[in-house]
Amino acid sequence: MTPNPKKRLVVSFNNLPVELQEELKALYPAGYYDVMMRIDKPNGDFFYAVPFETEKVSYLVKIDVKIDDVSDDDDDKDYYDDELKGADEIQDDGSDDEPVSSSSTLDYDDEI
């Protein structure tokens, strides 16, 4: 006779009994980063989970993960937009002064 296979469950960390939460924390004292896996659902959603086993049950424990919604492109756009605005202001400052050409000579001996 073969032993009964373990029951397999997907459960949120918050829905685990406190005793199992403590066991899970003891199993991964340095955190879940190295063991966490992304689970993709058929509808396109996803969640992150870590494996956890007891004598009778094999769990995938859902872990809440905060994901940054701001993309790097938005940061770059803001940065470069500011830079371009500054360049526009420098190019068209409204003054009537003409730029000094490289062929003109300046007399530094004149008193101001």
PDB file of N, CA and C in Angstrom:
ATOM      1  N   MET A   1       0.819  -1.183   0.000  1.00  0.00           N
ATOM      2  CA  MET A   1       0.000   0.000   0.000  1.00  0.00           C
ATOM      3  C   MET A   1       0.867   1.253   0.000  1.00  0.00           C
ATOM      4  N   THR A   2       0.453   2.223  -0.786  1.00  0.00           N
ATOM      5  CA  THR A   2       1.162   3.495  -0.805  1.00  0.00           C
ATOM      6  C   THR A   2       0.481   4.446   0.179  1.00  0.00           C
ATOM      7  N   PRO A   3       1.304   5.256   0.833  1.00  0.00           N
ATOM      8  CA  PRO A   3       0.707   6.207   1.769  1.00  0.00           C
ATOM      9  C   PRO A   3      -0.116   7.258   1.025  1.00  0.00           C
ATOM     10  N   ASN A   4      -1.062   7.828   1.734  1.00  0.00           N
ATOM     11  CA  ASN A   4      -1.884   8.880   1.132  1.00  0.00           C
ATOM     12  C   ASN A   4      -1.010  10.070   0.789  1.00  0.00           C
ATOM     13  N   PRO A   5      -1.202  10.626  -0.421  1.00  0.00           N
ATOM     14  CA  PRO A   5      -0.407  11.814  -0.760  1.00  0.00           C
ATOM     15  C   PRO A   5      -0.842  13.001   0.108  1.00  0.00           C
ATOM     16  N   LYS A   6       0.085  13.913   0.255  1.00  0.00           N
ATOM     17  CA  LYS A   6      -0.229  15.106   1.044  1.00  0.00           C
ATOM     18  C   LYS A   6      -1.295  15.937   0.346  1.00  0.00           C
ATOM     19  N   LYS A   7      -2.097  16.548   1.158  1.00  0.00           N
ATOM     20  CA  LYS A   7      -3.072  17.505   0.662  1.00  0.00           C
ATOM     21  C   LYS A   7      -2.287  18.733   0.187  1.00  0.00           C
ATOM     22  N   ARG A   8      -2.707  19.347  -0.918  1.00  0.00           N
ATOM     23  CA  ARG A   8      -2.024  20.521  -1.451  1.00  0.00           C
ATOM     24  C   ARG A   8      -2.975  21.709  -1.389  1.00  0.00           C
ATOM     25  N   LEU A   9      -2.535  22.801  -0.721  1.00  0.00           N
ATOM     26  CA  LEU A   9      -3.370  23.980  -0.541  1.00  0.00           C
ATOM     27  C   LEU A   9      -2.613  25.256  -0.889  1.00  0.00           C
ATOM     28  N   VAL A  10      -3.354  26.219  -1.418  1.00  0.00           N
ATOM     29  CA  VAL A  10      -2.847  27.580  -1.603  1.00  0.00           C
ATOM     30  C   VAL A  10      -3.596  28.429  -0.594  1.00  0.00           C
ATOM     31  N   VAL A  11      -2.851  29.108   0.273  1.00  0.00           N
ATOM     32  CA  VAL A  11      -3.475  29.888   1.339  1.00  0.00           C
ATOM     33  C   VAL A  11      -2.689  31.166   1.575  1.00  0.00           C
ATOM     34  N   SER A  12      -3.386  32.217   1.935  1.00  0.00           N
ATOM     35  CA  SER A  12      -2.746  33.481   2.264  1.00  0.00           C
ATOM     36  C   SER A  12      -2.048  33.363   3.616  1.00  0.00           C
ATOM     37  N   PHE A  13      -0.921  34.044   3.754  1.00  0.00           N
ATOM     38  CA  PHE A  13      -0.184  34.036   5.008  1.00  0.00           C
ATOM     39  C   PHE A  13      -1.085  34.461   6.158  1.00  0.00           C
ATOM     40  N   ASN A  14      -1.915  35.479   5.933  1.00  0.00           N
ATOM     41  CA  ASN A  14      -2.801  35.994   6.979  1.00  0.00           C
ATOM     42  C   ASN A  14      -3.883  35.002   7.394  1.00  0.00           C
ATOM     43  N   ASN A  15      -4.189  34.033   6.536  1.00  0.00           N
ATOM     44  CA  ASN A  15      -5.217  33.039   6.855  1.00  0.00           C
ATOM     45  C   ASN A  15      -4.648  31.781   7.508  1.00  0.00           C
ATOM     46  N   LEU A  16      -3.337  31.694   7.616  1.00  0.00           N
ATOM     47  CA  LEU A  16      -2.728  30.564   8.317  1.00  0.00           C
ATOM     48  C   LEU A  16      -2.951  30.722   9.818  1.00  0.00           C
ATOM     49  N   PRO A  17      -3.104  29.611  10.535  1.00  0.00           N
ATOM     50  CA  PRO A  17      -3.141  29.709  11.994  1.00  0.00           C
ATOM     51  C   PRO A  17      -1.818  30.308  12.506  1.00  0.00           C
ATOM     52  N   VAL A  18      -1.878  30.987  13.624  1.00  0.00           N
ATOM     53  CA  VAL A  18      -0.711  31.677  14.183  1.00  0.00           C
ATOM     54  C   VAL A  18       0.465  30.719  14.359  1.00  0.00           C
ATOM     55  N   GLU A  19       0.194  29.495  14.775  1.00  0.00           N
ATOM     56  CA  GLU A  19       1.280  28.515  14.974  1.00  0.00           C
ATOM     57  C   GLU A  19       2.024  28.252  13.663  1.00  0.00           C
ATOM     58  N   LEU A  20       1.257  28.107  12.563  1.00  0.00           N
ATOM     59  CA  LEU A  20       1.890  27.853  11.268  1.00  0.00           C
ATOM     60  C   LEU A  20       2.609  29.102  10.745  1.00  0.00           C
ATOM     61  N   GLN A  21       2.082  30.284  11.044  1.00  0.00           N
ATOM     62  CA  GLN A  21       2.781  31.517  10.669  1.00  0.00           C
ATOM     63  C   GLN A  21       4.155  31.567  11.343  1.00  0.00           C
ATOM     64  N   GLU A  22       4.187  31.196  12.616  1.00  0.00           N
ATOM     65  CA  GLU A  22       5.456  31.194  13.361  1.00  0.00           C
ATOM     66  C   GLU A  22       6.415  30.156  12.790  1.00  0.00           C
ATOM     67  N   GLU A  23       5.913  28.978  12.422  1.00  0.00           N
ATOM     68  CA  GLU A  23       6.758  27.941  11.824  1.00  0.00           C
ATOM     69  C   GLU A  23       7.339  28.422  10.487  1.00  0.00           C
ATOM     70  N   LEU A  24       6.499  29.090   9.698  1.00  0.00           N
ATOM     71  CA  LEU A  24       6.954  29.597   8.403  1.00  0.00           C
ATOM     72  C   LEU A  24       8.043  30.648   8.592  1.00  0.00           C
ATOM     73  N   LYS A  25       7.853  31.548   9.541  1.00  0.00           N
ATOM     74  CA  LYS A  25       8.873  32.568   9.823  1.00  0.00           C
ATOM     75  C   LYS A  25      10.174  31.918  10.296  1.00  0.00           C
ATOM     76  N   ALA A  26      10.068  30.855  11.103  1.00  0.00           N
ATOM     77  CA  ALA A  26      11.262  30.154  11.591  1.00  0.00           C
ATOM     78  C   ALA A  26      11.975  29.427  10.446  1.00  0.00           C
ATOM     79  N   LEU A  27      11.196  28.930   9.482  1.00  0.00           N
ATOM     80  CA  LEU A  27      11.769  28.217   8.343  1.00  0.00           C
ATOM     81  C   LEU A  27      12.566  29.157   7.437  1.00  0.00           C
ATOM     82  N   TYR A  28      12.124  30.407   7.331  1.00  0.00           N
ATOM     83  CA  TYR A  28      12.784  31.401   6.488  1.00  0.00           C
ATOM     84  C   TYR A  28      13.177  32.622   7.322  1.00  0.00           C
ATOM     85  N   PRO A  29      14.154  32.497   8.214  1.00  0.00           N
ATOM     86  CA  PRO A  29      14.509  33.619   9.095  1.00  0.00           C
ATOM     87  C   PRO A  29      15.104  34.819   8.346  1.00  0.00           C
ATOM     88  N   ALA A  30      15.703  34.595   7.188  1.00  0.00           N
ATOM     89  CA  ALA A  30      16.311  35.680   6.418  1.00  0.00           C
ATOM     90  C   ALA A  30      15.323  36.292   5.430  1.00  0.00           C
ATOM     91  N   GLY A  31      14.091  35.849   5.439  1.00  0.00           N
ATOM     92  CA  GLY A  31      13.078  36.373   4.526  1.00  0.00           C
ATOM     93  C   GLY A  31      12.798  35.405   3.393  1.00  0.00           C
ATOM     94  N   TYR A  32      11.876  35.816   2.535  1.00  0.00           N
ATOM     95  CA  TYR A  32      11.374  34.922   1.478  1.00  0.00           C
ATOM     96  C   TYR A  32      11.960  35.199   0.102  1.00  0.00           C
ATOM     97  N   TYR A  33      12.820  36.197  -0.008  1.00  0.00           N
ATOM     98  CA  TYR A  33      13.282  36.651  -1.319  1.00  0.00           C
ATOM     99  C   TYR A  33      13.826  35.509  -2.188  1.00  0.00           C
ATOM    100  N   ASP A  34      14.643  34.654  -1.634  1.00  0.00           N
ATOM    101  CA  ASP A  34      15.298  33.601  -2.419  1.00  0.00           C
ATOM    102  C   ASP A  34      14.371  32.444  -2.792  1.00  0.00           C
ATOM    103  N   VAL A  35      13.261  32.284  -2.072  1.00  0.00           N
ATOM    104  CA  VAL A  35      12.377  31.139  -2.319  1.00  0.00           C
ATOM    105  C   VAL A  35      11.030  31.531  -2.905  1.00  0.00           C
ATOM    106  N   MET A  36      10.775  32.813  -2.983  1.00  0.00           N
ATOM    107  CA  MET A  36       9.482  33.283  -3.471  1.00  0.00           C
ATOM    108  C   MET A  36       9.358  33.002  -4.955  1.00  0.00           C
ATOM    109  N   MET A  37       8.164  32.599  -5.362  1.00  0.00           N
ATOM    110  CA  MET A  37       7.916  32.348  -6.773  1.00  0.00           C
ATOM    111  C   MET A  37       6.663  33.077  -7.221  1.00  0.00           C
ATOM    112  N   ARG A  38       6.679  33.495  -8.448  1.00  0.00           N
ATOM    113  CA  ARG A  38       5.516  34.183  -9.027  1.00  0.00           C
ATOM    114  C   ARG A  38       4.611  33.120  -9.631  1.00  0.00           C
ATOM    115  N   ILE A  39       3.341  33.159  -9.259  1.00  0.00           N
ATOM    116  CA  ILE A  39       2.354  32.223  -9.787  1.00  0.00           C
ATOM    117  C   ILE A  39       1.413  33.015 -10.690  1.00  0.00           C
ATOM    118  N   ASP A  40       1.380  32.660 -11.974  1.00  0.00           N
ATOM    119  CA  ASP A  40       0.503  33.330 -12.933  1.00  0.00           C
ATOM    120  C   ASP A  40      -0.814  32.569 -13.026  1.00  0.00           C
ATOM    121  N   LYS A  41      -1.912  33.314 -12.894  1.00  0.00           N
ATOM    122  CA  LYS A  41      -3.241  32.724 -12.982  1.00  0.00           C
ATOM    123  C   LYS A  41      -3.731  32.813 -14.427  1.00  0.00           C
ATOM    124  N   PRO A  42      -4.656  31.961 -14.823  1.00  0.00           N
ATOM    125  CA  PRO A  42      -5.141  31.955 -16.215  1.00  0.00           C
ATOM    126  C   PRO A  42      -5.744  33.287 -16.677  1.00  0.00           C
ATOM    127  N   ASN A  43      -6.295  34.071 -15.761  1.00  0.00           N
ATOM    128  CA  ASN A  43      -6.928  35.333 -16.160  1.00  0.00           C
ATOM    129  C   ASN A  43      -5.923  36.475 -16.320  1.00  0.00           C
ATOM    130  N   GLY A  44      -4.624  36.194 -16.143  1.00  0.00           N
ATOM    131  CA  GLY A  44      -3.595  37.212 -16.304  1.00  0.00           C
ATOM    132  C   GLY A  44      -3.113  37.806 -14.992  1.00  0.00           C
ATOM    133  N   ASP A  45      -3.858  37.610 -13.913  1.00  0.00           N
ATOM    134  CA  ASP A  45      -3.412  38.066 -12.598  1.00  0.00           C
ATOM    135  C   ASP A  45      -2.278  37.170 -12.119  1.00  0.00           C
ATOM    136  N   PHE A  46      -1.601  37.600 -11.064  1.00  0.00           N
ATOM    137  CA  PHE A  46      -0.544  36.785 -10.490  1.00  0.00           C
ATOM    138  C   PHE A  46      -0.444  37.063  -9.001  1.00  0.00           C
ATOM    139  N   PHE A  47       0.267  36.177  -8.320  1.00  0.00           N
ATOM    140  CA  PHE A  47       0.569  36.383  -6.913  1.00  0.00           C
ATOM    141  C   PHE A  47       1.919  35.744  -6.624  1.00  0.00           C
ATOM    142  N   TYR A  48       2.479  36.107  -5.487  1.00  0.00           N
ATOM    143  CA  TYR A  48       3.753  35.527  -5.067  1.00  0.00           C
ATOM    144  C   TYR A  48       3.503  34.585  -3.905  1.00  0.00           C
ATOM    145  N   ALA A  49       4.236  33.479  -3.889  1.00  0.00           N
ATOM    146  CA  ALA A  49       4.036  32.475  -2.849  1.00  0.00           C
ATOM    147  C   ALA A  49       5.358  31.798  -2.503  1.00  0.00           C
ATOM    148  N   VAL A  50       5.379  31.206  -1.305  1.00  0.00           N
ATOM    149  CA  VAL A  50       6.527  30.414  -0.866  1.00  0.00           C
ATOM    150  C   VAL A  50       6.026  29.020  -0.493  1.00  0.00           C
ATOM    151  N   PRO A  51       6.846  28.005  -0.725  1.00  0.00           N
ATOM    152  CA  PRO A  51       6.439  26.653  -0.350  1.00  0.00           C
ATOM    153  C   PRO A  51       6.589  26.446   1.163  1.00  0.00           C
ATOM    154  N   PHE A  52       5.687  25.647   1.715  1.00  0.00           N
ATOM    155  CA  PHE A  52       5.723  25.337   3.138  1.00  0.00           C
ATOM    156  C   PHE A  52       5.035  23.992   3.328  1.00  0.00           C
ATOM    157  N   GLU A  53       5.717  23.076   4.042  1.00  0.00           N
ATOM    158  CA  GLU A  53       5.154  21.736   4.218  1.00  0.00           C
ATOM    159  C   GLU A  53       5.034  21.374   5.684  1.00  0.00           C
ATOM    160  N   THR A  54       3.929  20.711   5.981  1.00  0.00           N
ATOM    161  CA  THR A  54       3.732  20.103   7.289  1.00  0.00           C
ATOM    162  C   THR A  54       3.626  18.599   7.054  1.00  0.00           C
ATOM    163  N   GLU A  55       3.346  17.846   8.093  1.00  0.00           N
ATOM    164  CA  GLU A  55       3.233  16.390   7.931  1.00  0.00           C
ATOM    165  C   GLU A  55       2.114  15.997   6.974  1.00  0.00           C
ATOM    166  N   LYS A  56       1.015  16.727   7.036  1.00  0.00           N
ATOM    167  CA  LYS A  56      -0.156  16.337   6.258  1.00  0.00           C
ATOM    168  C   LYS A  56      -0.451  17.216   5.049  1.00  0.00           C
ATOM    169  N   VAL A  57       0.094  18.423   5.040  1.00  0.00           N
ATOM    170  CA  VAL A  57      -0.284  19.374   3.992  1.00  0.00           C
ATOM    171  C   VAL A  57       0.954  20.012   3.357  1.00  0.00           C
ATOM    172  N   SER A  58       0.894  20.155   2.031  1.00  0.00           N
ATOM    173  CA  SER A  58       1.908  20.899   1.285  1.00  0.00           C
ATOM    174  C   SER A  58       1.255  22.213   0.859  1.00  0.00           C
ATOM    175  N   TYR A  59       1.766  23.321   1.412  1.00  0.00           N
ATOM    176  CA  TYR A  59       1.175  24.639   1.164  1.00  0.00           C
ATOM    177  C   TYR A  59       1.973  25.436   0.145  1.00  0.00           C
ATOM    178  N   LEU A  60       1.258  26.274  -0.575  1.00  0.00           N
ATOM    179  CA  LEU A  60       1.834  27.417  -1.254  1.00  0.00           C
ATOM    180  C   LEU A  60       1.236  28.597  -0.502  1.00  0.00           C
ATOM    181  N   VAL A  61       2.076  29.334   0.209  1.00  0.00           N
ATOM    182  CA  VAL A  61       1.602  30.417   1.048  1.00  0.00           C
ATOM    183  C   VAL A  61       1.749  31.730   0.283  1.00  0.00           C
ATOM    184  N   LYS A  62       0.613  32.405   0.042  1.00  0.00           N
ATOM    185  CA  LYS A  62       0.620  33.691  -0.653  1.00  0.00           C
ATOM    186  C   LYS A  62       1.234  34.745   0.254  1.00  0.00           C
ATOM    187  N   ILE A  63       2.157  35.492  -0.319  1.00  0.00           N
ATOM    188  CA  ILE A  63       2.832  36.561   0.411  1.00  0.00           C
ATOM    189  C   ILE A  63       2.471  37.888  -0.257  1.00  0.00           C
ATOM    190  N   ASP A  64       2.037  38.862   0.531  1.00  0.00           N
ATOM    191  CA  ASP A  64       1.739  40.189  -0.003  1.00  0.00           C
ATOM    192  C   ASP A  64       3.043  40.878  -0.363  1.00  0.00           C
ATOM    193  N   VAL A  65       3.118  41.352  -1.600  1.00  0.00           N
ATOM    194  CA  VAL A  65       4.306  42.024  -2.096  1.00  0.00           C
ATOM    195  C   VAL A  65       3.889  43.374  -2.647  1.00  0.00           C
ATOM    196  N   LYS A  66       4.584  44.420  -2.235  1.00  0.00           N
ATOM    197  CA  LYS A  66       4.309  45.760  -2.774  1.00  0.00           C
ATOM    198  C   LYS A  66       5.162  45.940  -4.015  1.00  0.00           C
ATOM    199  N   ILE A  67       4.497  46.278  -5.108  1.00  0.00           N
ATOM    200  CA  ILE A  67       5.182  46.461  -6.376  1.00  0.00           C
ATOM    201  C   ILE A  67       5.098  47.927  -6.752  1.00  0.00           C
ATOM    202  N   ASP A  68       6.228  48.517  -7.150  1.00  0.00           N
ATOM    203  CA  ASP A  68       6.232  49.911  -7.587  1.00  0.00           C
ATOM    204  C   ASP A  68       5.458  50.025  -8.890  1.00  0.00           C
ATOM    205  N   ASP A  69       4.502  50.953  -8.912  1.00  0.00           N
ATOM    206  CA  ASP A  69       3.710  51.162 -10.121  1.00  0.00           C
ATOM    207  C   ASP A  69       4.319  52.187 -11.054  1.00  0.00           C
ATOM    208  N   VAL A  70       5.248  52.998 -10.567  1.00  0.00           N
ATOM    209  CA  VAL A  70       5.854  54.040 -11.376  1.00  0.00           C
ATOM    210  C   VAL A  70       6.954  53.417 -12.222  1.00  0.00           C
ATOM    211  N   SER A  71       6.886  53.648 -13.512  1.00  0.00           N
ATOM    212  CA  SER A  71       7.908  53.069 -14.386  1.00  0.00           C
ATOM    213  C   SER A  71       9.113  53.996 -14.467  1.00  0.00           C
ATOM    214  N   ASP A  72      10.229  53.433 -14.829  1.00  0.00           N
ATOM    215  CA  ASP A  72      11.457  54.215 -14.982  1.00  0.00           C
ATOM    216  C   ASP A  72      11.315  55.224 -16.119  1.00  0.00           C
ATOM    217  N   ASP A  73      10.504  54.898 -17.139  1.00  0.00           N
ATOM    218  CA  ASP A  73      10.323  55.815 -18.262  1.00  0.00           C
ATOM    219  C   ASP A  73       9.723  57.134 -17.788  1.00  0.00           C
ATOM    220  N   ASP A  74       8.778  57.060 -16.854  1.00  0.00           N
ATOM    221  CA  ASP A  74       8.179  58.281 -16.327  1.00  0.00           C
ATOM    222  C   ASP A  74       9.224  59.122 -15.603  1.00  0.00           C
ATOM    223  N   ASP A  75      10.094  58.465 -14.845  1.00  0.00           N
ATOM    224  CA  ASP A  75      11.153  59.188 -14.146  1.00  0.00           C
ATOM    225  C   ASP A  75      12.086  59.861 -15.141  1.00  0.00           C
ATOM    226  N   ASP A  76      12.465  59.143 -16.196  1.00  0.00           N
ATOM    227  CA  ASP A  76      13.345  59.704 -17.213  1.00  0.00           C
ATOM    228  C   ASP A  76      12.676  60.883 -17.907  1.00  0.00           C
ATOM    229  N   LYS A  77      11.387  60.740 -18.220  1.00  0.00           N
ATOM    230  CA  LYS A  77      10.663  61.802 -18.904  1.00  0.00           C
ATOM    231  C   LYS A  77      10.663  63.067 -18.054  1.00  0.00           C
ATOM    232  N   ASP A  78      10.344  62.926 -16.768  1.00  0.00           N
ATOM    233  CA  ASP A  78      10.345  64.080 -15.877  1.00  0.00           C
ATOM    234  C   ASP A  78      11.731  64.721 -15.829  1.00  0.00           C
ATOM    235  N   TYR A  79      12.749  63.899 -15.720  1.00  0.00           N
ATOM    236  CA  TYR A  79      14.115  64.406 -15.630  1.00  0.00           C
ATOM    237  C   TYR A  79      14.505  65.149 -16.901  1.00  0.00           C
ATOM    238  N   TYR A  80      14.278  64.522 -18.048  1.00  0.00           N
ATOM    239  CA  TYR A  80      14.705  65.124 -19.301  1.00  0.00           C
ATOM    240  C   TYR A  80      13.812  66.295 -19.693  1.00  0.00           C
ATOM    241  N   ASP A  81      12.531  66.263 -19.332  1.00  0.00           N
ATOM    242  CA  ASP A  81      11.657  67.404 -19.604  1.00  0.00           C
ATOM    243  C   ASP A  81      12.170  68.640 -18.890  1.00  0.00           C
ATOM    244  N   ASP A  82      12.555  68.487 -17.642  1.00  0.00           N
ATOM    245  CA  ASP A  82      13.089  69.619 -16.889  1.00  0.00           C
ATOM    246  C   ASP A  82      14.364  70.133 -17.536  1.00  0.00           C
ATOM    247  N   GLU A  83      15.192  69.208 -17.988  1.00  0.00           N
ATOM    248  CA  GLU A  83      16.449  69.595 -18.616  1.00  0.00           C
ATOM    249  C   GLU A  83      16.189  70.354 -19.911  1.00  0.00           C
ATOM    250  N   LEU A  84      15.210  69.891 -20.696  1.00  0.00           N
ATOM    251  CA  LEU A  84      14.889  70.562 -21.949  1.00  0.00           C
ATOM    252  C   LEU A  84      14.283  71.936 -21.694  1.00  0.00           C
ATOM    253  N   LYS A  85      13.445  72.044 -20.681  1.00  0.00           N
ATOM    254  CA  LYS A  85      12.865  73.341 -20.352  1.00  0.00           C
ATOM    255  C   LYS A  85      13.970  74.323 -19.986  1.00  0.00           C
ATOM    256  N   GLY A  86      14.948  73.874 -19.230  1.00  0.00           N
ATOM    257  CA  GLY A  86      16.080  74.722 -18.858  1.00  0.00           C
ATOM    258  C   GLY A  86      16.875  75.146 -20.078  1.00  0.00           C
ATOM    259  N   ALA A  87      17.047  74.255 -21.039  1.00  0.00           N
ATOM    260  CA  ALA A  87      17.803  74.564 -22.247  1.00  0.00           C
ATOM    261  C   ALA A  87      17.047  75.591 -23.083  1.00  0.00           C
ATOM    262  N   ASP A  88      15.718  75.485 -23.165  1.00  0.00           N
ATOM    263  CA  ASP A  88      14.921  76.458 -23.904  1.00  0.00           C
ATOM    264  C   ASP A  88      15.066  77.847 -23.300  1.00  0.00           C
ATOM    265  N   GLU A  89      15.052  77.897 -21.992  1.00  0.00           N
ATOM    266  CA  GLU A  89      15.169  79.188 -21.325  1.00  0.00           C
ATOM    267  C   GLU A  89      16.530  79.819 -21.598  1.00  0.00           C
ATOM    268  N   ILE A  90      17.564  79.021 -21.660  1.00  0.00           N
ATOM    269  CA  ILE A  90      18.913  79.539 -21.908  1.00  0.00           C
ATOM    270  C   ILE A  90      19.027  80.017 -23.338  1.00  0.00           C
ATOM    271  N   GLN A  91      18.477  79.279 -24.287  1.00  0.00           N
ATOM    272  CA  GLN A  91      18.594  79.645 -25.688  1.00  0.00           C
ATOM    273  C   GLN A  91      17.810  80.908 -26.012  1.00  0.00           C
ATOM    274  N   ASP A  92      16.662  81.101 -25.420  1.00  0.00           N
ATOM    275  CA  ASP A  92      15.827  82.247 -25.730  1.00  0.00           C
ATOM    276  C   ASP A  92      15.572  83.031 -24.458  1.00  0.00           C
ATOM    277  N   ASP A  93      16.577  83.785 -24.035  1.00  0.00           N
ATOM    278  CA  ASP A  93      16.433  84.539 -22.801  1.00  0.00           C
ATOM    279  C   ASP A  93      15.874  85.934 -23.050  1.00  0.00           C
ATOM    280  N   GLY A  94      15.603  86.288 -24.293  1.00  0.00           N
ATOM    281  CA  GLY A  94      14.984  87.562 -24.621  1.00  0.00           C
ATOM    282  C   GLY A  94      15.950  88.733 -24.656  1.00  0.00           C
ATOM    283  N   SER A  95      17.218  88.521 -24.434  1.00  0.00           N
ATOM    284  CA  SER A  95      18.173  89.637 -24.455  1.00  0.00           C
ATOM    285  C   SER A  95      18.586  89.933 -25.890  1.00  0.00           C
ATOM    286  N   ASP A  96      19.043  91.173 -26.088  1.00  0.00           N
ATOM    287  CA  ASP A  96      19.464  91.597 -27.418  1.00  0.00           C
ATOM    288  C   ASP A  96      20.961  91.461 -27.615  1.00  0.00           C
ATOM    289  N   ASP A  97      21.653  90.933 -26.651  1.00  0.00           N
ATOM    290  CA  ASP A  97      23.103  90.778 -26.753  1.00  0.00           C
ATOM    291  C   ASP A  97      23.437  89.757 -27.816  1.00  0.00           C
ATOM    292  N   GLU A  98      24.450  90.057 -28.586  1.00  0.00           N
ATOM    293  CA  GLU A  98      24.907  89.118 -29.590  1.00  0.00           C
ATOM    294  C   GLU A  98      26.046  88.308 -29.001  1.00  0.00           C
ATOM    295  N   PRO A  99      26.163  87.069 -29.377  1.00  0.00           N
ATOM    296  CA  PRO A  99      27.254  86.260 -28.841  1.00  0.00           C
ATOM    297  C   PRO A  99      28.601  86.767 -29.332  1.00  0.00           C
ATOM    298  N   VAL A 100      29.606  86.574 -28.524  1.00  0.00           N
ATOM    299  CA  VAL A 100      30.962  86.979 -28.880  1.00  0.00           C
ATOM    300  C   VAL A 100      31.534  85.900 -29.781  1.00  0.00           C
ATOM    301  N   SER A 101      32.051  86.290 -30.925  1.00  0.00           N
ATOM    302  CA  SER A 101      32.619  85.300 -31.829  1.00  0.00           C
ATOM    303  C   SER A 101      34.041  84.981 -31.402  1.00  0.00           C
ATOM    304  N   SER A 102      34.534  83.890 -31.862  1.00  0.00           N
ATOM    305  CA  SER A 102      35.882  83.474 -31.488  1.00  0.00           C
ATOM    306  C   SER A 102      36.946  84.342 -32.144  1.00  0.00           C
ATOM    307  N   SER A 103      36.597  85.080 -33.212  1.00  0.00           N
ATOM    308  CA  SER A 103      37.592  85.900 -33.894  1.00  0.00           C
ATOM    309  C   SER A 103      37.748  87.283 -33.264  1.00  0.00           C
ATOM    310  N   SER A 104      36.812  87.684 -32.420  1.00  0.00           N
ATOM    311  CA  SER A 104      36.926  89.009 -31.814  1.00  0.00           C
ATOM    312  C   SER A 104      37.927  88.975 -30.668  1.00  0.00           C
ATOM    313  N   THR A 105      38.514  90.091 -30.408  1.00  0.00           N
ATOM    314  CA  THR A 105      39.494  90.194 -29.334  1.00  0.00           C
ATOM    315  C   THR A 105      38.888  90.990 -28.204  1.00  0.00           C
ATOM    316  N   LEU A 106      39.223  90.627 -27.032  1.00  0.00           N
ATOM    317  CA  LEU A 106      38.744  91.334 -25.848  1.00  0.00           C
ATOM    318  C   LEU A 106      39.909  92.074 -25.219  1.00  0.00           C
ATOM    319  N   ASP A 107      39.661  93.261 -24.768  1.00  0.00           N
ATOM    320  CA  ASP A 107      40.704  94.065 -24.133  1.00  0.00           C
ATOM    321  C   ASP A 107      40.439  94.055 -22.648  1.00  0.00           C
ATOM    322  N   TYR A 108      41.246  93.317 -21.912  1.00  0.00           N
ATOM    323  CA  TYR A 108      41.072  93.189 -20.471  1.00  0.00           C
ATOM    324  C   TYR A 108      41.714  94.351 -19.699  1.00  0.00           C
ATOM    325  N   ASP A 109      42.416  95.219 -20.398  1.00  0.00           N
ATOM    326  CA  ASP A 109      43.065  96.337 -19.736  1.00  0.00           C
ATOM    327  C   ASP A 109      42.111  97.487 -19.450  1.00  0.00           C
ATOM    328  N   ASP A 110      40.950  97.491 -20.104  1.00  0.00           N
ATOM    329  CA  ASP A 110      39.983  98.569 -19.894  1.00  0.00           C
ATOM    330  C   ASP A 110      39.446  98.493 -18.469  1.00  0.00           C
ATOM    331  N   GLU A 111      39.299  99.655 -17.862  1.00  0.00           N
ATOM    332  CA  GLU A 111      38.727  99.713 -16.530  1.00  0.00           C
ATOM    333  C   GLU A 111      37.223  99.694 -16.625  1.00  0.00           C
ATOM    334  N   ILE A 112      36.635  99.142 -15.667  1.00  0.00           N
ATOM    335  CA  ILE A 112      35.182  99.060 -15.633  1.00  0.00           C
ATOM    336  C   ILE A 112      34.624 100.200 -14.845  1.00  0.00           C
TER     337      ILE A 112
END
